Amino acid sequence: MAGDLSVTGGNRRRVQARKRVEGGFGEAKRRIFLDHLAACCNVTAAAAAAGVGVSTVYDARRRDPEFARQWGEAIEAGYATLEALLIERAAKGGGYVPGETKVPGPETIDTWLALDLLRLGRTPARSRDPGGAPPRRAPEKALAEAILAKLDVLERRRGRGAKQA
């Protein structure tokens, strides 16, 4: 019975238990997704192979820390495989002609695209700061005065409410 329920909540909503959606993003589909992600480093292709939408997998990653950890491991495995394949290509001195494979692997990626992916994967993430002027902070004294003024307003409202009761 407990396996048939999921617990939802967040965004200031009440936590509630409800029945799992049939055909949802369960363990079997997560395993398929992670296997494909480790093979090709392509979230869209891996989601399609698991039979779910891209937003479903990103939502699951955001909500489930364990799945997020597994996702990171799959990407790392994919990059390691991609790197090894590129080294092998360089050693052989030839190109690879992709064939039909059940799970697409890094060999189906263009060499230059693979090199770009590896370079991007190894660089530290950029900050999401859009640039521009740095945010201004209020001086501590002004901040304390603003807080005290708001507390004073709240105290006066409480005083009026007590007189009416």
N, C-alpha and C. Protein backbone atom coordinates (compact mmCIF):
# COMPACT_ATOMS: atom_id res chain seq x y z
N MET A 1 0.82 -1.19 0.00
CA MET A 1 0.00 0.00 0.00
C MET A 1 0.86 1.25 0.00
N ALA A 2 1.95 1.23 0.81
CA ALA A 2 2.82 2.42 0.89
C ALA A 2 3.50 2.69 -0.44
N GLY A 3 3.78 1.64 -1.23
CA GLY A 3 4.41 1.82 -2.52
C GLY A 3 3.47 2.44 -3.54
N ASP A 4 2.15 2.40 -3.24
CA ASP A 4 1.16 2.96 -4.16
C ASP A 4 0.91 4.44 -3.93
N LEU A 5 1.56 5.01 -2.91
CA LEU A 5 1.34 6.40 -2.57
C LEU A 5 2.58 7.24 -2.83
N SER A 6 2.35 8.50 -3.14
CA SER A 6 3.46 9.44 -3.23
C SER A 6 3.12 10.62 -2.33
N VAL A 7 4.13 11.23 -1.77
CA VAL A 7 3.93 12.37 -0.89
C VAL A 7 4.30 13.60 -1.67
N THR A 8 3.39 14.56 -1.72
CA THR A 8 3.65 15.79 -2.46
C THR A 8 3.47 16.98 -1.53
N GLY A 9 3.97 18.07 -1.93
CA GLY A 9 3.86 19.30 -1.16
C GLY A 9 4.88 20.29 -1.66
N GLY A 10 5.11 21.30 -0.92
CA GLY A 10 6.06 22.32 -1.33
C GLY A 10 5.34 23.57 -1.77
N ASN A 11 6.09 24.62 -1.93
CA ASN A 11 5.56 25.90 -2.34
C ASN A 11 4.41 26.34 -1.42
N ARG A 12 4.61 26.12 -0.13
CA ARG A 12 3.67 26.51 0.93
C ARG A 12 2.34 25.76 0.86
N ARG A 13 2.33 24.60 0.20
CA ARG A 13 1.13 23.77 0.17
C ARG A 13 1.22 22.73 1.26
N ARG A 14 0.07 22.20 1.65
CA ARG A 14 0.05 21.13 2.63
C ARG A 14 0.66 19.88 2.02
N VAL A 15 1.33 19.12 2.84
CA VAL A 15 1.88 17.84 2.39
C VAL A 15 0.73 16.85 2.37
N GLN A 16 0.61 16.11 1.29
CA GLN A 16 -0.47 15.15 1.18
C GLN A 16 0.03 13.88 0.51
N ALA A 17 -0.60 12.78 0.86
CA ALA A 17 -0.29 11.50 0.23
C ALA A 17 -1.37 11.24 -0.81
N ARG A 18 -0.97 10.81 -1.99
CA ARG A 18 -1.95 10.49 -3.02
C ARG A 18 -1.43 9.33 -3.84
N LYS A 19 -2.33 8.71 -4.59
CA LYS A 19 -1.97 7.55 -5.39
C LYS A 19 -0.98 7.96 -6.47
N ARG A 20 -0.04 7.07 -6.74
CA ARG A 20 0.91 7.32 -7.82
C ARG A 20 0.20 7.26 -9.16
N VAL A 21 0.67 8.07 -10.09
CA VAL A 21 0.11 8.07 -11.43
C VAL A 21 0.64 6.84 -12.17
N GLU A 22 -0.27 6.10 -12.78
CA GLU A 22 0.16 4.93 -13.55
C GLU A 22 1.02 5.40 -14.73
N GLY A 23 2.10 4.71 -14.95
CA GLY A 23 2.99 5.08 -16.05
C GLY A 23 3.82 6.31 -15.74
N GLY A 24 3.91 6.70 -14.46
CA GLY A 24 4.70 7.86 -14.07
C GLY A 24 6.19 7.57 -14.19
N PHE A 25 6.97 8.44 -13.64
CA PHE A 25 8.42 8.34 -13.73
C PHE A 25 8.93 7.52 -12.55
N GLY A 26 8.64 6.21 -12.58
CA GLY A 26 9.02 5.30 -11.50
C GLY A 26 10.45 4.80 -11.65
N GLU A 27 10.79 3.82 -10.82
CA GLU A 27 12.15 3.29 -10.79
C GLU A 27 12.60 2.72 -12.14
N ALA A 28 11.73 1.98 -12.81
CA ALA A 28 12.12 1.37 -14.09
C ALA A 28 12.45 2.44 -15.13
N LYS A 29 11.61 3.46 -15.22
CA LYS A 29 11.87 4.53 -16.19
C LYS A 29 13.08 5.37 -15.79
N ARG A 30 13.27 5.54 -14.49
CA ARG A 30 14.46 6.28 -14.04
C ARG A 30 15.74 5.53 -14.43
N ARG A 31 15.72 4.21 -14.27
CA ARG A 31 16.89 3.40 -14.62
C ARG A 31 17.16 3.50 -16.12
N ILE A 32 16.12 3.41 -16.95
CA ILE A 32 16.29 3.54 -18.40
C ILE A 32 16.87 4.91 -18.73
N PHE A 33 16.30 5.96 -18.11
CA PHE A 33 16.79 7.31 -18.35
C PHE A 33 18.27 7.45 -17.98
N LEU A 34 18.63 6.99 -16.79
CA LEU A 34 20.01 7.13 -16.33
C LEU A 34 20.98 6.31 -17.19
N ASP A 35 20.57 5.11 -17.62
CA ASP A 35 21.42 4.30 -18.50
C ASP A 35 21.67 5.01 -19.82
N HIS A 36 20.62 5.57 -20.40
CA HIS A 36 20.78 6.29 -21.66
C HIS A 36 21.59 7.57 -21.48
N LEU A 37 21.36 8.26 -20.36
CA LEU A 37 22.11 9.49 -20.09
C LEU A 37 23.60 9.20 -19.95
N ALA A 38 23.93 8.11 -19.29
CA ALA A 38 25.34 7.73 -19.14
C ALA A 38 25.95 7.34 -20.47
N ALA A 39 25.12 6.84 -21.39
CA ALA A 39 25.64 6.41 -22.68
C ALA A 39 25.82 7.56 -23.66
N CYS A 40 24.90 8.55 -23.63
CA CYS A 40 24.96 9.57 -24.67
C CYS A 40 25.08 11.00 -24.16
N CYS A 41 24.95 11.24 -22.86
CA CYS A 41 25.02 12.59 -22.28
C CYS A 41 24.00 13.54 -22.88
N ASN A 42 22.89 13.01 -23.35
CA ASN A 42 21.86 13.82 -23.99
C ASN A 42 20.56 13.62 -23.23
N VAL A 43 20.13 14.66 -22.49
CA VAL A 43 18.95 14.56 -21.64
C VAL A 43 17.70 14.33 -22.48
N THR A 44 17.56 15.02 -23.60
CA THR A 44 16.38 14.88 -24.43
C THR A 44 16.25 13.46 -24.97
N ALA A 45 17.35 12.90 -25.48
CA ALA A 45 17.31 11.54 -26.01
C ALA A 45 17.06 10.52 -24.91
N ALA A 46 17.65 10.73 -23.75
CA ALA A 46 17.46 9.80 -22.63
C ALA A 46 16.02 9.85 -22.13
N ALA A 47 15.43 11.03 -22.07
CA ALA A 47 14.03 11.15 -21.64
C ALA A 47 13.10 10.47 -22.64
N ALA A 48 13.38 10.65 -23.92
CA ALA A 48 12.57 10.00 -24.96
C ALA A 48 12.67 8.48 -24.85
N ALA A 49 13.87 7.97 -24.57
CA ALA A 49 14.06 6.52 -24.43
C ALA A 49 13.28 5.98 -23.24
N ALA A 50 13.14 6.79 -22.19
CA ALA A 50 12.40 6.37 -21.00
C ALA A 50 10.90 6.58 -21.16
N GLY A 51 10.51 7.27 -22.22
CA GLY A 51 9.09 7.51 -22.47
C GLY A 51 8.49 8.61 -21.62
N VAL A 52 9.31 9.59 -21.23
CA VAL A 52 8.82 10.72 -20.44
C VAL A 52 9.30 12.02 -21.08
N GLY A 53 8.72 13.12 -20.64
CA GLY A 53 9.12 14.42 -21.15
C GLY A 53 10.36 14.94 -20.46
N VAL A 54 11.01 15.87 -21.10
CA VAL A 54 12.22 16.47 -20.53
C VAL A 54 11.90 17.20 -19.23
N SER A 55 10.77 17.88 -19.17
CA SER A 55 10.41 18.60 -17.95
C SER A 55 10.19 17.63 -16.79
N THR A 56 9.74 16.42 -17.07
CA THR A 56 9.54 15.42 -16.02
C THR A 56 10.86 15.06 -15.36
N VAL A 57 11.90 14.85 -16.17
CA VAL A 57 13.18 14.44 -15.58
C VAL A 57 13.84 15.60 -14.84
N TYR A 58 13.72 16.81 -15.37
CA TYR A 58 14.29 17.96 -14.67
C TYR A 58 13.55 18.21 -13.35
N ASP A 59 12.23 18.01 -13.36
CA ASP A 59 11.45 18.17 -12.14
C ASP A 59 11.85 17.12 -11.11
N ALA A 60 12.04 15.89 -11.56
CA ALA A 60 12.46 14.82 -10.65
C ALA A 60 13.84 15.12 -10.07
N ARG A 61 14.72 15.66 -10.89
CA ARG A 61 16.06 16.00 -10.40
C ARG A 61 15.99 17.10 -9.35
N ARG A 62 15.11 18.06 -9.56
CA ARG A 62 14.97 19.17 -8.62
C ARG A 62 14.38 18.69 -7.29
N ARG A 63 13.45 17.76 -7.34
CA ARG A 63 12.75 17.32 -6.13
C ARG A 63 13.45 16.20 -5.37
N ASP A 64 14.22 15.38 -6.07
CA ASP A 64 14.79 14.17 -5.46
C ASP A 64 16.31 14.27 -5.43
N PRO A 65 16.91 14.52 -4.27
CA PRO A 65 18.36 14.66 -4.18
C PRO A 65 19.11 13.39 -4.60
N GLU A 66 18.56 12.23 -4.31
CA GLU A 66 19.19 10.97 -4.69
C GLU A 66 19.23 10.83 -6.21
N PHE A 67 18.12 11.18 -6.87
CA PHE A 67 18.08 11.13 -8.33
C PHE A 67 19.04 12.16 -8.92
N ALA A 68 19.15 13.32 -8.30
CA ALA A 68 20.08 14.35 -8.77
C ALA A 68 21.52 13.84 -8.68
N ARG A 69 21.83 13.11 -7.59
CA ARG A 69 23.17 12.53 -7.44
C ARG A 69 23.43 11.48 -8.52
N GLN A 70 22.43 10.63 -8.77
CA GLN A 70 22.57 9.60 -9.81
C GLN A 70 22.72 10.24 -11.19
N TRP A 71 22.01 11.32 -11.43
CA TRP A 71 22.11 12.07 -12.69
C TRP A 71 23.55 12.55 -12.87
N GLY A 72 24.11 13.16 -11.83
CA GLY A 72 25.49 13.64 -11.91
C GLY A 72 26.48 12.52 -12.19
N GLU A 73 26.26 11.37 -11.55
CA GLU A 73 27.14 10.21 -11.80
C GLU A 73 27.00 9.73 -13.24
N ALA A 74 25.78 9.74 -13.77
CA ALA A 74 25.56 9.31 -15.16
C ALA A 74 26.28 10.25 -16.13
N ILE A 75 26.18 11.54 -15.88
CA ILE A 75 26.87 12.51 -16.75
C ILE A 75 28.38 12.32 -16.67
N GLU A 76 28.90 12.13 -15.45
CA GLU A 76 30.34 11.89 -15.29
C GLU A 76 30.78 10.64 -16.04
N ALA A 77 29.97 9.57 -15.94
CA ALA A 77 30.29 8.33 -16.65
C ALA A 77 30.26 8.57 -18.15
N GLY A 78 29.29 9.34 -18.60
CA GLY A 78 29.20 9.65 -20.03
C GLY A 78 30.39 10.43 -20.52
N TYR A 79 30.82 11.42 -19.74
CA TYR A 79 31.99 12.21 -20.11
C TYR A 79 33.26 11.35 -20.12
N ALA A 80 33.37 10.46 -19.15
CA ALA A 80 34.54 9.58 -19.11
C ALA A 80 34.57 8.66 -20.33
N THR A 81 33.41 8.13 -20.70
CA THR A 81 33.33 7.27 -21.88
C THR A 81 33.64 8.07 -23.14
N LEU A 82 33.10 9.26 -23.21
CA LEU A 82 33.33 10.13 -24.37
C LEU A 82 34.81 10.46 -24.50
N GLU A 83 35.45 10.77 -23.39
CA GLU A 83 36.87 11.08 -23.40
C GLU A 83 37.69 9.88 -23.86
N ALA A 84 37.36 8.69 -23.33
CA ALA A 84 38.09 7.48 -23.73
C ALA A 84 37.90 7.19 -25.21
N LEU A 85 36.69 7.41 -25.71
CA LEU A 85 36.42 7.18 -27.13
C LEU A 85 37.24 8.14 -28.00
N LEU A 86 37.31 9.39 -27.59
CA LEU A 86 38.08 10.37 -28.36
C LEU A 86 39.57 10.02 -28.36
N ILE A 87 40.07 9.52 -27.25
CA ILE A 87 41.47 9.10 -27.19
C ILE A 87 41.69 7.92 -28.13
N GLU A 88 40.73 6.99 -28.14
CA GLU A 88 40.83 5.84 -29.03
C GLU A 88 40.81 6.28 -30.50
N ARG A 89 39.91 7.22 -30.82
CA ARG A 89 39.85 7.73 -32.20
C ARG A 89 41.18 8.36 -32.60
N ALA A 90 41.75 9.13 -31.69
CA ALA A 90 43.02 9.79 -31.98
C ALA A 90 44.13 8.77 -32.19
N ALA A 91 44.13 7.70 -31.39
CA ALA A 91 45.16 6.67 -31.51
C ALA A 91 45.04 5.91 -32.83
N LYS A 92 43.81 5.64 -33.27
CA LYS A 92 43.60 4.90 -34.51
C LYS A 92 43.75 5.78 -35.74
N GLY A 93 43.53 7.07 -35.55
CA GLY A 93 43.69 8.00 -36.66
C GLY A 93 42.56 7.93 -37.67
N GLY A 94 41.45 7.34 -37.34
CA GLY A 94 40.34 7.26 -38.28
C GLY A 94 39.04 7.70 -37.66
N GLY A 95 38.05 7.83 -38.50
CA GLY A 95 36.73 8.23 -38.03
C GLY A 95 35.86 7.02 -37.76
N TYR A 96 34.78 7.24 -37.14
CA TYR A 96 33.84 6.17 -36.84
C TYR A 96 32.55 6.44 -37.61
N VAL A 97 32.02 5.40 -38.27
CA VAL A 97 30.75 5.53 -38.96
C VAL A 97 29.69 4.89 -38.06
N PRO A 98 28.77 5.68 -37.53
CA PRO A 98 27.80 5.12 -36.60
C PRO A 98 26.88 4.11 -37.26
N GLY A 99 26.55 3.06 -36.52
CA GLY A 99 25.61 2.05 -36.99
C GLY A 99 24.37 2.09 -36.13
N GLU A 100 23.51 1.14 -36.30
CA GLU A 100 22.30 1.07 -35.50
C GLU A 100 22.62 0.46 -34.14
N THR A 101 22.38 1.21 -33.08
CA THR A 101 22.59 0.70 -31.73
C THR A 101 21.32 0.93 -30.93
N LYS A 102 21.04 0.01 -29.99
CA LYS A 102 19.84 0.15 -29.17
C LYS A 102 19.95 1.36 -28.26
N VAL A 103 21.07 1.49 -27.58
CA VAL A 103 21.32 2.65 -26.72
C VAL A 103 22.38 3.49 -27.42
N PRO A 104 22.04 4.74 -27.80
CA PRO A 104 23.04 5.55 -28.47
C PRO A 104 24.20 5.84 -27.53
N GLY A 105 25.38 5.70 -28.04
CA GLY A 105 26.57 5.94 -27.23
C GLY A 105 27.30 7.17 -27.70
N PRO A 106 28.41 7.46 -27.06
CA PRO A 106 29.17 8.64 -27.45
C PRO A 106 29.73 8.55 -28.86
N GLU A 107 29.82 7.32 -29.39
CA GLU A 107 30.36 7.19 -30.75
C GLU A 107 29.44 7.81 -31.80
N THR A 108 28.19 8.07 -31.44
CA THR A 108 27.26 8.68 -32.40
C THR A 108 27.39 10.20 -32.43
N ILE A 109 28.23 10.76 -31.56
CA ILE A 109 28.40 12.21 -31.49
C ILE A 109 29.55 12.62 -32.42
N ASP A 110 29.36 13.71 -33.10
CA ASP A 110 30.39 14.28 -33.96
C ASP A 110 31.64 14.59 -33.11
N THR A 111 32.82 14.36 -33.68
CA THR A 111 34.07 14.55 -32.93
C THR A 111 34.21 15.97 -32.40
N TRP A 112 33.93 16.96 -33.23
CA TRP A 112 34.10 18.35 -32.79
C TRP A 112 33.08 18.72 -31.73
N LEU A 113 31.87 18.20 -31.88
CA LEU A 113 30.85 18.42 -30.86
C LEU A 113 31.28 17.77 -29.55
N ALA A 114 31.84 16.57 -29.63
CA ALA A 114 32.30 15.87 -28.43
C ALA A 114 33.40 16.67 -27.73
N LEU A 115 34.32 17.21 -28.50
CA LEU A 115 35.39 18.02 -27.90
C LEU A 115 34.82 19.26 -27.21
N ASP A 116 33.84 19.90 -27.84
CA ASP A 116 33.20 21.06 -27.22
C ASP A 116 32.49 20.67 -25.93
N LEU A 117 31.79 19.53 -25.95
CA LEU A 117 31.10 19.06 -24.75
C LEU A 117 32.08 18.79 -23.61
N LEU A 118 33.19 18.15 -23.95
CA LEU A 118 34.19 17.86 -22.92
C LEU A 118 34.77 19.15 -22.34
N ARG A 119 35.05 20.11 -23.21
CA ARG A 119 35.59 21.38 -22.74
C ARG A 119 34.59 22.08 -21.83
N LEU A 120 33.31 22.08 -22.23
CA LEU A 120 32.29 22.72 -21.40
C LEU A 120 32.08 21.98 -20.09
N GLY A 121 32.18 20.65 -20.14
CA GLY A 121 32.00 19.86 -18.94
C GLY A 121 33.12 20.02 -17.93
N ARG A 122 34.28 20.39 -18.38
CA ARG A 122 35.43 20.53 -17.49
C ARG A 122 35.60 21.94 -16.95
N THR A 123 34.92 22.92 -17.54
CA THR A 123 35.06 24.30 -17.06
C THR A 123 34.09 24.52 -15.91
N PRO A 124 34.46 25.35 -14.94
CA PRO A 124 33.53 25.62 -13.84
C PRO A 124 32.29 26.33 -14.36
N ALA A 125 31.19 26.08 -13.70
CA ALA A 125 29.92 26.69 -14.12
C ALA A 125 29.99 28.20 -13.98
N ARG A 126 29.39 28.87 -14.94
CA ARG A 126 29.34 30.33 -14.88
C ARG A 126 28.29 30.76 -13.87
N SER A 127 28.52 31.90 -13.27
CA SER A 127 27.51 32.40 -12.35
C SER A 127 26.33 32.90 -13.16
N ARG A 128 25.18 32.88 -12.57
CA ARG A 128 23.97 33.32 -13.27
C ARG A 128 23.78 34.82 -13.14
N ASP A 129 24.81 35.53 -12.70
CA ASP A 129 24.72 36.96 -12.53
C ASP A 129 24.64 37.61 -13.91
N PRO A 130 23.60 38.37 -14.19
CA PRO A 130 23.48 38.98 -15.52
C PRO A 130 24.44 40.13 -15.74
N GLY A 131 25.20 40.50 -14.75
CA GLY A 131 26.14 41.61 -14.91
C GLY A 131 25.50 42.91 -14.44
N GLY A 132 26.06 44.00 -14.88
CA GLY A 132 25.54 45.30 -14.47
C GLY A 132 26.12 45.72 -13.14
N ALA A 133 25.49 46.72 -12.57
CA ALA A 133 25.96 47.27 -11.29
C ALA A 133 25.72 46.26 -10.18
N PRO A 134 26.65 46.19 -9.23
CA PRO A 134 26.45 45.27 -8.11
C PRO A 134 25.26 45.73 -7.27
N PRO A 135 24.57 44.80 -6.62
CA PRO A 135 23.43 45.20 -5.79
C PRO A 135 23.88 46.09 -4.64
N ARG A 136 23.06 47.06 -4.33
CA ARG A 136 23.39 47.98 -3.24
C ARG A 136 22.80 47.46 -1.94
N ARG A 137 23.57 47.56 -0.89
CA ARG A 137 23.10 47.15 0.43
C ARG A 137 22.87 48.38 1.27
N ALA A 138 21.79 48.33 2.01
CA ALA A 138 21.48 49.45 2.91
C ALA A 138 22.46 49.43 4.07
N PRO A 139 22.84 50.60 4.55
CA PRO A 139 23.70 50.64 5.73
C PRO A 139 22.97 50.00 6.92
N GLU A 140 23.73 49.45 7.83
CA GLU A 140 23.15 48.74 8.98
C GLU A 140 22.23 49.65 9.80
N LYS A 141 22.61 50.90 9.96
CA LYS A 141 21.80 51.84 10.74
C LYS A 141 20.44 52.06 10.07
N ALA A 142 20.43 52.27 8.76
CA ALA A 142 19.18 52.49 8.03
C ALA A 142 18.29 51.24 8.09
N LEU A 143 18.91 50.09 8.00
CA LEU A 143 18.17 48.84 8.08
C LEU A 143 17.51 48.68 9.45
N ALA A 144 18.26 48.97 10.51
CA ALA A 144 17.72 48.87 11.87
C ALA A 144 16.57 49.85 12.06
N GLU A 145 16.70 51.07 11.54
CA GLU A 145 15.63 52.07 11.66
C GLU A 145 14.37 51.61 10.93
N ALA A 146 14.53 51.02 9.75
CA ALA A 146 13.37 50.55 8.99
C ALA A 146 12.66 49.42 9.73
N ILE A 147 13.43 48.51 10.31
CA ILE A 147 12.83 47.40 11.06
C ILE A 147 12.09 47.93 12.27
N LEU A 148 12.70 48.87 13.01
CA LEU A 148 12.04 49.44 14.19
C LEU A 148 10.77 50.19 13.81
N ALA A 149 10.77 50.89 12.69
CA ALA A 149 9.58 51.61 12.24
C ALA A 149 8.45 50.62 11.93
N LYS A 150 8.77 49.51 11.29
CA LYS A 150 7.75 48.50 10.98
C LYS A 150 7.23 47.85 12.25
N LEU A 151 8.11 47.59 13.20
CA LEU A 151 7.68 47.01 14.47
C LEU A 151 6.76 47.98 15.21
N ASP A 152 7.07 49.27 15.12
CA ASP A 152 6.23 50.29 15.75
C ASP A 152 4.82 50.29 15.15
N VAL A 153 4.73 50.19 13.84
CA VAL A 153 3.43 50.13 13.15
C VAL A 153 2.66 48.90 13.61
N LEU A 154 3.34 47.76 13.68
CA LEU A 154 2.67 46.53 14.11
C LEU A 154 2.19 46.66 15.56
N GLU A 155 2.98 47.27 16.42
CA GLU A 155 2.60 47.45 17.82
C GLU A 155 1.37 48.35 17.94
N ARG A 156 1.33 49.41 17.13
CA ARG A 156 0.16 50.30 17.16
C ARG A 156 -1.09 49.56 16.67
N ARG A 157 -0.95 48.74 15.65
CA ARG A 157 -2.10 47.96 15.15
C ARG A 157 -2.58 46.98 16.23
N ARG A 158 -1.66 46.37 16.91
CA ARG A 158 -2.03 45.44 17.99
C ARG A 158 -2.76 46.18 19.11
N GLY A 159 -2.30 47.36 19.42
CA GLY A 159 -2.92 48.18 20.48
C GLY A 159 -4.36 48.52 20.12
N ARG A 160 -4.64 48.88 18.86
CA ARG A 160 -5.99 49.19 18.42
C ARG A 160 -6.87 47.95 18.46
N GLY A 161 -6.31 46.81 18.08
CA GLY A 161 -7.08 45.57 18.10
C GLY A 161 -7.46 45.15 19.50
N ALA A 162 -6.60 45.41 20.48
CA ALA A 162 -6.87 45.05 21.86
C ALA A 162 -7.98 45.92 22.45
N LYS A 163 -8.05 47.23 22.05
CA LYS A 163 -9.07 48.15 22.54
C LYS A 163 -10.45 47.78 22.01
N GLN A 164 -10.51 47.28 20.75
CA GLN A 164 -11.79 46.94 20.15
C GLN A 164 -12.38 45.68 20.74
N ALA A 165 -11.54 44.78 21.24
CA ALA A 165 -12.03 43.48 21.75
C ALA A 165 -12.69 43.59 23.07
